[in-house]
Amino acid sequence: MAGKYGAHPSQIALAWILKRSPVMLPIPGTSKVAHLEQNVAAADISLSDEDFATLDSEGRKTFQSTP
């Protein structure tokens, strides 16, 4: 999905969190300016409702199958 948006997978994860809740904010740590810029750019990614639902569904499957 990252390729679809021309983004890094971590940016898609941040975009998903930002769309999921207006009161929940990610606080990613970074030691490189380039990563900081990537993280900030994630706020500009507007996931479609379909892509959001796909990510949400896949995430739930992963957590439900974890012992």
Protein backbone atom coordinates (compact mmCIF):
# COMPACT_ATOMS: atom_id res chain seq x y z
CA MET A 1 0.00 0.00 0.00
CA ALA A 2 2.91 2.34 0.63
CA GLY A 3 3.75 2.21 -3.08
CA LYS A 4 0.23 3.29 -3.97
CA TYR A 5 0.73 6.48 -1.97
CA GLY A 6 4.40 6.95 -2.87
CA ALA A 7 5.23 6.70 0.81
CA HIS A 8 7.31 4.68 3.26
CA PRO A 9 5.42 1.98 5.22
CA SER A 10 6.03 3.87 8.46
CA GLN A 11 4.29 6.89 6.94
CA ILE A 12 1.25 4.76 6.13
CA ALA A 13 1.17 3.53 9.72
CA LEU A 14 1.27 7.10 11.00
CA ALA A 15 -1.42 8.18 8.52
CA TRP A 16 -3.60 5.30 9.72
CA ILE A 17 -3.23 6.38 13.36
CA LEU A 18 -4.02 10.00 12.48
CA LYS A 19 -7.18 8.97 10.60
CA ARG A 20 -8.26 6.50 13.27
CA SER A 21 -8.80 9.03 16.04
CA PRO A 22 -8.85 12.82 16.30
CA VAL A 23 -7.64 12.61 19.91
CA MET A 24 -4.88 10.02 19.53
CA LEU A 25 -1.52 11.35 18.34
CA PRO A 26 1.50 9.25 17.46
CA ILE A 27 4.80 10.27 19.02
CA PRO A 28 7.46 8.54 16.93
CA GLY A 29 11.04 8.83 18.05
CA THR A 30 13.79 9.54 15.58
CA SER A 31 17.46 10.36 15.57
CA LYS A 32 17.70 11.54 11.96
CA VAL A 33 16.33 14.68 10.35
CA ALA A 34 15.27 12.68 7.28
CA HIS A 35 13.09 10.43 9.45
CA LEU A 36 11.57 13.45 11.17
CA GLU A 37 10.68 14.90 7.77
CA GLN A 38 9.14 11.55 6.74
CA ASN A 39 7.09 11.45 9.92
CA VAL A 40 5.79 14.99 9.45
CA ALA A 41 4.93 14.28 5.80
CA ALA A 42 2.70 11.40 6.93
CA ALA A 43 0.14 14.00 8.02
CA ASP A 44 -0.33 14.90 4.34
CA ILE A 45 -1.28 11.34 3.37
CA SER A 46 -5.03 11.00 3.04
CA LEU A 47 -5.90 7.32 3.16
CA SER A 48 -9.05 6.36 1.31
CA ASP A 49 -11.80 4.83 3.42
CA GLU A 50 -11.23 1.53 1.63
CA ASP A 51 -7.49 1.52 2.33
CA PHE A 52 -8.11 2.52 5.95
CA ALA A 53 -10.56 -0.37 6.36
CA THR A 54 -8.07 -2.79 4.79
CA LEU A 55 -5.30 -1.73 7.16
CA ASP A 56 -7.66 -1.84 10.12
CA SER A 57 -8.85 -5.34 9.21
CA GLU A 58 -5.35 -6.70 8.65
CA GLY A 59 -4.17 -5.19 11.93
CA ARG A 60 -7.02 -6.82 13.84
CA LYS A 61 -6.20 -10.20 12.29
CA THR A 62 -2.57 -9.84 13.37
CA PHE A 63 -3.40 -8.95 16.96
CA GLN A 64 -6.08 -11.63 17.27
CA SER A 65 -3.69 -14.34 16.11
CA THR A 66 -0.90 -13.29 18.49
CA PRO A 67 -0.77 -15.53 21.59
